[in-house]
């Protein structure tokens, strides 16, 4: 029996906190494949001021595969400098070709290396768990959630073993990036700070991991209140960009050729589209089936700013005092060995849009500016390394102590 409709048939959750309950997850089909894409040396690109381009390539990987497999529904998650998704076997070839097209684009247009790979779910499940849940963000947009360590295991496998990487120099087709847009100005925090947070539970039972995430989410609610109080995207902060430099990333990715006039033509199309969009939203017009009067509200509602994919990821609008309170709590839990975390502080957020249908099928990928998820992940890795070093030192001291105890035990 085909498992192609696995994700479509998955029950949907309506509360984000419910994603911290392991009972709401089911095993991924063992005949599916995990596809991973991430920018190699993304921190170097950040230091060159190219994080918007890094985000765009992560989003390009998603939209290219979604276009290749549509109308099939598949689970995916965006991680700032990359993405993870699952596809059934019948769609593996077209999904791989789409990612190879984005890899070629990253090399030739942006001078970056996009590492891509594919791992059978069966191989992952022989070593750890891969479970999936579905959270309804809006009536037309559902967000996937992954737990069990399977995504992390597949990512590490692709980095360590070339057999799982896709390294074809030239793809047979160009990536279809229809629907990829990067047209809004950076979104300033209404409270002064935009936090990008990644929390990882220690390697233990899944029950205790989910308990950690539930505790953190409840603490965030205690500090900030309801999600609308820390949502990084609000309608009053949404402004379309008319700066050619800010629109350059999408222009370079989606123009039909690398020739100067082709890019100028595409840029002019963006500027005209943004002008019309700004007018339509200002006048609150309804054109066709698109209600421009509520479009900004729809964008806020369909923003992808909190998720779980073996770790808890969030982008939060925060006051400095709230940031200090949250950091103190996380530090306390880290010192107690209950979690590790990475946090990056900026004053604004980035938004990259995937527009499958402007009427009702669009979602918006949120990240912190100036490094966001990529630098939060770097901070998390540093904490995990320190924790591992501490455990090694403890184990060495325990071994020495045990050796010193042996003579007395023999007396």
Protein backbone atom coordinates (compact mmCIF):
# COMPACT_ATOMS: atom_id res chain seq x y z
CA UNK A 1 0.00 0.00 0.00
CA UNK A 2 1.31 3.46 -0.92
CA UNK A 3 2.30 5.76 1.94
CA UNK A 4 2.28 8.90 -0.22
CA UNK A 5 -0.61 10.44 1.75
CA UNK A 6 1.00 9.82 5.15
CA UNK A 7 1.44 13.50 5.99
CA UNK A 8 -1.84 14.63 4.46
CA UNK A 9 -3.73 12.12 6.60
CA UNK A 10 -1.88 12.99 9.81
CA UNK A 11 -4.16 14.46 12.52
CA UNK A 12 -3.59 18.18 13.08
CA UNK A 13 -2.90 19.86 16.42
CA UNK A 14 -4.23 23.33 17.17
CA UNK A 15 -2.01 24.35 20.12
CA UNK A 16 1.75 24.73 19.76
CA UNK A 17 2.26 23.48 23.32
CA UNK A 18 0.74 20.15 22.26
CA UNK A 19 3.87 19.52 20.16
CA UNK A 20 5.70 18.92 23.44
CA UNK A 21 3.50 15.86 24.05
CA UNK A 22 5.08 12.65 22.63
CA UNK A 23 1.68 11.00 22.37
CA UNK A 24 0.86 13.30 19.44
CA UNK A 25 3.68 11.96 17.25
CA UNK A 26 3.71 8.97 14.90
CA UNK A 27 6.58 7.11 13.26
CA UNK A 28 7.62 8.31 9.82
CA UNK A 29 7.07 5.68 7.09
CA UNK A 30 10.18 3.52 6.82
CA UNK A 31 10.12 3.63 3.01
CA UNK A 32 10.41 7.45 2.92
CA UNK A 33 13.61 9.49 2.64
CA UNK A 34 15.02 12.37 4.65
CA UNK A 35 16.43 15.18 2.51
CA UNK A 36 18.75 17.70 4.14
CA UNK A 37 20.21 20.94 2.75
CA UNK A 38 22.50 23.37 4.54
CA UNK A 39 24.99 26.08 3.65
CA UNK A 40 28.59 25.04 4.36
CA UNK A 41 30.54 27.65 6.37
CA UNK A 42 27.46 29.82 6.82
CA UNK A 43 29.17 31.79 9.61
CA UNK A 44 31.70 33.07 7.07
CA UNK A 45 28.85 34.25 4.85
CA UNK A 46 27.34 35.99 7.88
CA UNK A 47 30.62 37.80 8.53
CA UNK A 48 30.46 39.06 4.93
CA UNK A 49 26.96 40.43 5.53
CA UNK A 50 25.25 37.73 3.43
CA UNK A 51 22.82 36.23 5.93
CA UNK A 52 19.82 37.31 3.85
CA UNK A 53 21.30 35.31 0.95
CA UNK A 54 21.90 32.35 3.29
CA UNK A 55 18.24 32.49 4.35
CA UNK A 56 17.11 32.77 0.76
CA UNK A 57 19.03 29.64 -0.26
CA UNK A 58 17.56 27.68 2.65
CA UNK A 59 14.09 28.79 1.55
CA UNK A 60 14.96 28.06 -2.10
CA UNK A 61 15.66 24.45 -1.17
CA UNK A 62 12.17 24.19 0.29
CA UNK A 63 10.22 25.85 -2.51
CA UNK A 64 12.13 23.93 -5.19
CA UNK A 65 11.10 20.60 -3.67
CA UNK A 66 7.54 21.74 -2.93
CA UNK A 67 7.15 22.78 -6.57
CA UNK A 68 8.66 19.48 -7.75
CA UNK A 69 6.30 17.26 -5.73
CA UNK A 70 3.08 19.31 -5.73
CA UNK A 71 0.28 18.74 -5.02
CA UNK A 72 1.72 16.16 -2.61
CA UNK A 73 1.85 17.32 1.03
CA UNK A 74 5.19 16.65 2.75
CA UNK A 75 6.59 17.55 6.18
CA UNK A 76 9.43 20.07 6.28
CA UNK A 77 11.19 22.47 8.62
CA UNK A 78 13.29 25.58 7.93
CA UNK A 79 16.46 26.10 9.95
CA UNK A 80 17.81 29.44 8.73
CA UNK A 81 20.88 28.24 6.84
CA UNK A 82 19.16 25.09 5.60
CA UNK A 83 16.13 22.85 5.78
CA UNK A 84 14.98 19.27 6.37
CA UNK A 85 12.07 17.42 4.78
CA UNK A 86 10.69 13.94 4.10
CA UNK A 87 9.53 12.54 0.75
CA UNK A 88 8.04 9.18 -0.29
CA UNK A 89 10.10 6.97 -2.64
CA UNK A 90 8.06 7.81 -5.75
CA UNK A 91 9.10 11.46 -5.45
CA UNK A 92 12.74 11.00 -4.46
CA UNK A 93 14.15 11.54 -7.95
CA UNK A 94 12.35 14.83 -8.67
CA UNK A 95 13.12 16.11 -5.16
CA UNK A 96 16.81 15.30 -5.60
CA UNK A 97 16.91 17.03 -8.98
CA UNK A 98 15.28 20.11 -7.46
CA UNK A 99 17.90 20.28 -4.70
CA UNK A 100 20.73 19.77 -7.18
CA UNK A 101 19.36 22.75 -9.09
CA UNK A 102 19.47 24.90 -5.95
CA UNK A 103 22.98 23.64 -5.20
CA UNK A 104 24.09 24.78 -8.67
CA UNK A 105 22.40 28.16 -8.12
CA UNK A 106 24.19 28.59 -4.78
CA UNK A 107 27.55 27.94 -6.42
CA UNK A 108 27.18 29.95 -9.60
CA UNK A 109 25.12 32.92 -8.38
CA UNK A 110 26.02 33.35 -4.72
CA UNK A 111 29.44 31.70 -4.47
CA UNK A 112 28.27 29.42 -1.64
CA UNK A 113 28.32 25.67 -1.15
CA UNK A 114 24.98 24.04 -0.45
CA UNK A 115 25.48 20.60 1.06
CA UNK A 116 22.59 18.28 0.21
CA UNK A 117 21.97 14.66 1.03
CA UNK A 118 19.38 11.92 1.26
CA UNK A 119 19.07 9.24 3.94
CA UNK A 120 16.48 6.42 3.97
CA UNK A 121 14.19 6.64 6.98
CA UNK A 122 14.74 2.90 7.52
CA UNK A 123 18.46 3.47 8.15
CA UNK A 124 17.71 6.23 10.64
CA UNK A 125 15.08 4.19 12.47
CA UNK A 126 17.55 1.33 12.86
CA UNK A 127 19.61 3.64 15.06
CA UNK A 128 17.14 6.09 16.60
CA UNK A 129 13.57 7.31 16.28
CA UNK A 130 11.95 9.63 13.75
CA UNK A 131 8.47 10.78 14.66
CA UNK A 132 6.28 13.39 12.99
CA UNK A 133 3.41 15.62 14.13
CA UNK A 134 1.40 18.32 12.34
CA UNK A 135 0.41 21.68 13.81
CA UNK A 136 -2.21 23.85 12.11
CA UNK A 137 -0.90 27.42 12.02
CA UNK A 138 -3.70 28.81 9.82
CA UNK A 139 -6.68 27.16 8.08
CA UNK A 140 -4.50 26.64 4.98
CA UNK A 141 -1.01 26.18 6.46
CA UNK A 142 0.23 23.30 8.62
CA UNK A 143 3.69 23.10 10.15
CA UNK A 144 5.58 19.84 10.63
CA UNK A 145 7.34 18.87 13.84
CA UNK A 146 9.99 16.16 14.26
CA UNK A 147 11.23 14.41 17.40
CA UNK A 148 13.23 11.32 18.28
CA UNK A 149 16.65 12.41 17.07
CA UNK A 150 16.18 11.16 13.51
CA UNK A 151 16.69 14.51 11.77
CA UNK A 152 19.86 15.15 13.79
CA UNK A 153 21.15 11.64 13.04
CA UNK A 154 20.51 12.05 9.30
CA UNK A 155 22.22 15.46 9.28
CA UNK A 156 25.31 14.07 11.02
CA UNK A 157 25.36 11.08 8.66
CA UNK A 158 25.32 13.32 5.59
CA UNK A 159 28.16 15.43 6.98
CA UNK A 160 30.27 12.38 7.88
CA UNK A 161 29.60 9.96 5.01
CA UNK A 162 29.91 11.06 1.37
CA UNK A 163 27.78 8.08 0.32
CA UNK A 164 24.68 9.98 1.48
CA UNK A 165 25.59 13.29 -0.17
CA UNK A 166 24.38 14.44 -3.58
CA UNK A 167 27.37 15.90 -5.42
CA UNK A 168 26.45 15.96 -9.12
CA UNK A 169 28.19 18.95 -10.71
CA UNK A 170 25.45 19.95 -13.13
CA UNK A 171 21.78 19.13 -12.56
CA UNK A 172 19.61 17.90 -15.40
CA UNK A 173 17.04 20.66 -14.74
CA UNK A 174 17.06 24.11 -13.18
CA UNK A 175 15.33 24.53 -9.85
CA UNK A 176 11.77 25.89 -10.10
CA UNK A 177 11.69 28.73 -7.56
CA UNK A 178 8.20 29.96 -8.45
CA UNK A 179 6.67 31.43 -5.29
CA UNK A 180 9.97 32.39 -3.63
CA UNK A 181 9.81 36.03 -2.53
CA UNK A 182 12.01 38.22 -0.35
CA UNK A 183 10.31 41.60 -0.67
CA UNK A 184 9.67 42.91 2.85
CA UNK A 185 11.95 45.19 4.78
CA UNK A 186 13.64 43.71 7.83
CA UNK A 187 11.09 43.67 10.65
CA UNK A 188 12.17 45.77 13.67
CA UNK A 189 11.40 44.44 17.13
CA UNK A 190 8.61 46.38 18.81
CA UNK A 191 10.44 45.91 22.14
CA UNK A 192 13.99 46.59 20.98
CA UNK A 193 15.34 43.04 20.74
CA UNK A 194 14.69 40.02 18.52
CA UNK A 195 15.87 36.77 20.08
CA UNK A 196 16.65 33.68 18.07
CA UNK A 197 16.59 30.74 20.46
CA UNK A 198 17.47 27.06 20.11
CA UNK A 199 16.96 24.72 23.06
CA UNK A 200 18.22 21.13 23.07
CA UNK A 201 17.23 18.55 25.67
CA UNK A 202 19.95 16.14 26.86
CA UNK A 203 20.18 12.73 25.17
CA UNK A 204 17.83 10.65 27.27
CA UNK A 205 14.32 9.25 26.97
CA UNK A 206 11.95 11.07 24.62
CA UNK A 207 9.50 11.54 27.47
CA UNK A 208 12.01 13.62 29.45
CA UNK A 209 13.02 15.57 26.32
CA UNK A 210 9.46 16.64 25.65
CA UNK A 211 9.09 17.56 29.32
CA UNK A 212 12.05 19.94 28.92
CA UNK A 213 10.45 21.67 25.93
CA UNK A 214 7.11 21.96 27.70
CA UNK A 215 8.82 23.53 30.72
CA UNK A 216 10.67 26.04 28.53
CA UNK A 217 7.52 26.97 26.62
CA UNK A 218 5.60 27.44 29.86
CA UNK A 219 8.41 29.63 31.24
CA UNK A 220 8.33 31.75 28.08
CA UNK A 221 4.59 32.17 28.52
CA UNK A 222 5.20 33.18 32.15
CA UNK A 223 7.76 35.82 31.10
CA UNK A 224 6.07 37.14 27.95
CA UNK A 225 2.44 36.17 28.26
CA UNK A 226 0.44 34.92 25.29
CA UNK A 227 2.23 34.20 22.00
CA UNK A 228 0.87 37.41 20.47
CA UNK A 229 2.98 39.33 23.00
CA UNK A 230 6.27 37.91 21.72
CA UNK A 231 5.35 37.30 18.06
CA UNK A 232 8.20 38.84 16.03
CA UNK A 233 5.91 39.92 13.17
CA UNK A 234 3.20 42.54 13.65
CA UNK A 235 1.20 44.32 10.96
CA UNK A 236 2.44 47.82 11.84
CA UNK A 237 6.05 46.72 11.27
CA UNK A 238 5.43 45.15 7.85
CA UNK A 239 6.70 47.39 5.06
CA UNK A 240 7.50 46.39 1.49
CA UNK A 241 11.01 47.23 0.32
CA UNK A 242 11.87 49.51 -2.59
CA UNK A 243 15.62 49.32 -2.01
CA UNK A 244 17.29 47.55 -4.98
CA UNK A 245 20.12 46.35 -2.73
CA UNK A 246 17.66 44.69 -0.34
CA UNK A 247 15.83 43.11 -3.29
CA UNK A 248 19.03 41.87 -4.91
CA UNK A 249 18.94 38.37 -3.38
CA UNK A 250 15.58 37.45 -4.91
CA UNK A 251 16.49 39.22 -8.16
CA UNK A 252 19.69 37.22 -8.57
CA UNK A 253 18.00 33.93 -7.64
CA UNK A 254 14.94 34.23 -9.85
CA UNK A 255 15.89 36.24 -12.93
CA UNK A 256 15.90 34.07 -16.03
CA UNK A 257 19.60 34.61 -16.70
CA UNK A 258 22.66 36.14 -15.09
CA UNK A 259 22.80 38.88 -17.70
CA UNK A 260 22.53 42.44 -16.42
CA UNK A 261 19.40 43.40 -18.34
CA UNK A 262 17.59 40.22 -17.36
CA UNK A 263 18.15 41.07 -13.70
CA UNK A 264 17.13 44.69 -14.22
CA UNK A 265 13.90 43.51 -15.86
CA UNK A 266 13.11 41.21 -12.92
CA UNK A 267 13.94 43.96 -10.40
CA UNK A 268 11.55 46.33 -12.18
CA UNK A 269 8.84 43.65 -11.96
CA UNK A 270 9.40 43.39 -8.20
CA UNK A 271 9.27 47.18 -7.75
CA UNK A 272 6.03 47.44 -9.75
CA UNK A 273 4.54 44.53 -7.81
CA UNK A 274 5.53 46.08 -4.48
CA UNK A 275 4.09 49.46 -5.49
CA UNK A 276 0.78 47.90 -6.47
CA UNK A 277 0.74 45.74 -3.34
CA UNK A 278 1.36 48.77 -1.12
CA UNK A 279 -1.48 50.67 -2.83
CA UNK A 280 -3.86 47.71 -2.64
CA UNK A 281 -3.14 47.22 1.07
CA UNK A 282 -3.45 50.95 1.80
CA UNK A 283 -6.84 51.13 0.05
CA UNK A 284 -7.88 47.74 1.52
CA UNK A 285 -8.92 46.50 -1.89
CA UNK A 286 -10.17 43.04 -2.75
CA UNK A 287 -8.92 42.04 -6.19
CA UNK A 288 -9.90 38.65 -7.51
CA UNK A 289 -9.91 36.42 -4.45
CA UNK A 290 -7.08 38.25 -2.66
CA UNK A 291 -8.23 40.46 0.21
CA UNK A 292 -5.41 43.00 0.35
CA UNK A 293 -6.99 44.76 3.32
CA UNK A 294 -6.19 41.82 5.56
CA UNK A 295 -3.07 40.57 3.75
CA UNK A 296 -0.65 41.81 6.43
CA UNK A 297 -2.71 40.08 9.11
CA UNK A 298 -2.61 36.89 7.05
CA UNK A 299 1.19 37.19 6.76
CA UNK A 300 1.53 37.53 10.55
CA UNK A 301 -0.74 34.54 11.13
CA UNK A 302 1.18 32.33 8.68
CA UNK A 303 4.63 33.19 10.06
CA UNK A 304 6.91 30.28 10.89
CA UNK A 305 8.51 31.62 14.09
CA UNK A 306 8.40 28.64 16.46
CA UNK A 307 8.93 24.95 15.73
CA UNK A 308 10.38 21.66 16.97
CA UNK A 309 12.80 19.52 14.93
CA UNK A 310 14.72 17.54 17.56
CA UNK A 311 15.31 20.95 19.17
CA UNK A 312 13.00 23.82 20.06
CA UNK A 313 13.47 26.82 17.74
CA UNK A 314 11.90 30.22 18.33
CA UNK A 315 12.21 33.81 17.18
CA UNK A 316 10.94 36.15 19.90
CA UNK A 317 10.34 39.89 20.19
CA UNK A 318 11.70 40.79 23.61
CA UNK A 319 12.38 43.63 26.03
CA UNK A 320 15.95 43.68 27.44
CA UNK A 321 14.65 42.85 30.93
CA UNK A 322 12.71 39.87 29.54
CA UNK A 323 15.81 38.69 27.67
CA UNK A 324 17.78 38.78 30.91
CA UNK A 325 15.06 36.89 32.78
CA UNK A 326 14.87 34.19 30.10
CA UNK A 327 18.65 33.86 29.88
CA UNK A 328 18.95 33.49 33.65
CA UNK A 329 16.37 30.69 33.59
CA UNK A 330 18.11 28.89 30.73
CA UNK A 331 21.52 29.28 32.42
CA UNK A 332 20.12 27.74 35.59
CA UNK A 333 18.71 24.77 33.68
CA UNK A 334 21.99 24.40 31.75
CA UNK A 335 24.08 24.32 34.93
CA UNK A 336 21.71 21.69 36.31
CA UNK A 337 22.38 19.55 33.23
CA UNK A 338 18.76 19.70 32.11
CA UNK A 339 19.24 21.40 28.73
CA UNK A 340 21.64 23.24 26.45
CA UNK A 341 20.77 26.33 24.49
CA UNK A 342 22.00 28.89 21.99
CA UNK A 343 20.69 32.41 21.77
CA UNK A 344 21.34 35.24 19.32
CA UNK A 345 20.19 38.82 19.90
CA UNK A 346 19.40 41.27 17.12
CA UNK A 347 17.09 44.25 16.78
CA UNK A 348 15.06 42.89 13.88
CA UNK A 349 13.89 39.79 12.05
CA UNK A 350 14.21 38.58 8.45
CA UNK A 351 11.27 37.17 6.51
CA UNK A 352 11.43 35.02 3.38
CA UNK A 353 8.10 34.16 1.78
CA UNK A 354 6.89 31.03 0.02
CA UNK A 355 3.80 31.95 -2.01
CA UNK A 356 2.06 28.88 -3.41
CA UNK A 357 -1.19 30.84 -3.78
CA UNK A 358 -1.49 34.46 -2.66
CA UNK A 359 -5.14 33.98 -1.80
CA UNK A 360 -4.76 31.44 0.95
CA UNK A 361 -1.66 29.29 0.54
CA UNK A 362 1.38 31.26 1.62
CA UNK A 363 3.73 30.97 4.57
CA UNK A 364 6.57 33.08 5.82
CA UNK A 365 9.90 31.86 7.17
CA UNK A 366 11.20 33.94 10.08
CA UNK A 367 14.77 34.23 11.33
CA UNK A 368 16.73 36.72 13.39
CA UNK A 369 18.81 39.21 11.41
CA UNK A 370 22.63 39.22 11.38
CA UNK A 371 23.01 35.50 12.00
CA UNK A 372 19.85 34.32 13.75
CA UNK A 373 19.49 30.56 13.80
CA UNK A 374 23.00 29.97 12.39
CA UNK A 375 24.74 31.84 15.23
CA UNK A 376 22.33 30.47 17.85
CA UNK A 377 23.26 26.98 16.61
CA UNK A 378 26.95 27.87 16.93
CA UNK A 379 26.39 28.97 20.54
CA UNK A 380 24.45 25.76 21.23
CA UNK A 381 27.29 23.63 19.85
CA UNK A 382 29.73 25.48 22.10
CA UNK A 383 27.61 24.66 25.15
CA UNK A 384 27.29 21.02 24.14
CA UNK A 385 31.07 20.82 23.61
CA UNK A 386 31.73 22.29 27.06
CA UNK A 387 29.24 19.87 28.59
CA UNK A 388 30.94 16.94 26.84
CA UNK A 389 34.36 18.12 28.02
CA UNK A 390 33.05 18.40 31.58
CA UNK A 391 31.71 14.85 31.41
CA UNK A 392 35.06 13.60 30.09
CA UNK A 393 36.89 15.35 32.92
CA UNK A 394 34.43 13.94 35.45
CA UNK A 395 34.83 10.43 34.05
CA UNK A 396 38.63 10.75 34.22
CA UNK A 397 38.54 11.93 37.84
CA UNK A 398 36.13 9.14 38.73
CA UNK A 399 38.47 6.60 37.12
CA UNK A 400 41.46 7.97 39.06
CA UNK A 401 39.49 7.93 42.29
CA UNK A 402 38.42 4.35 41.65
CA UNK A 403 42.03 3.31 41.06
CA UNK A 404 43.08 4.89 44.36
CA UNK A 405 40.28 3.07 46.16
CA UNK A 406 41.32 -0.37 44.90
CA UNK A 407 44.33 -0.92 47.24
CA UNK A 408 42.29 -0.09 50.32
CA UNK A 409 39.54 -2.42 49.17
CA UNK A 410 42.07 -5.27 48.90
CA UNK A 411 43.37 -4.82 52.44
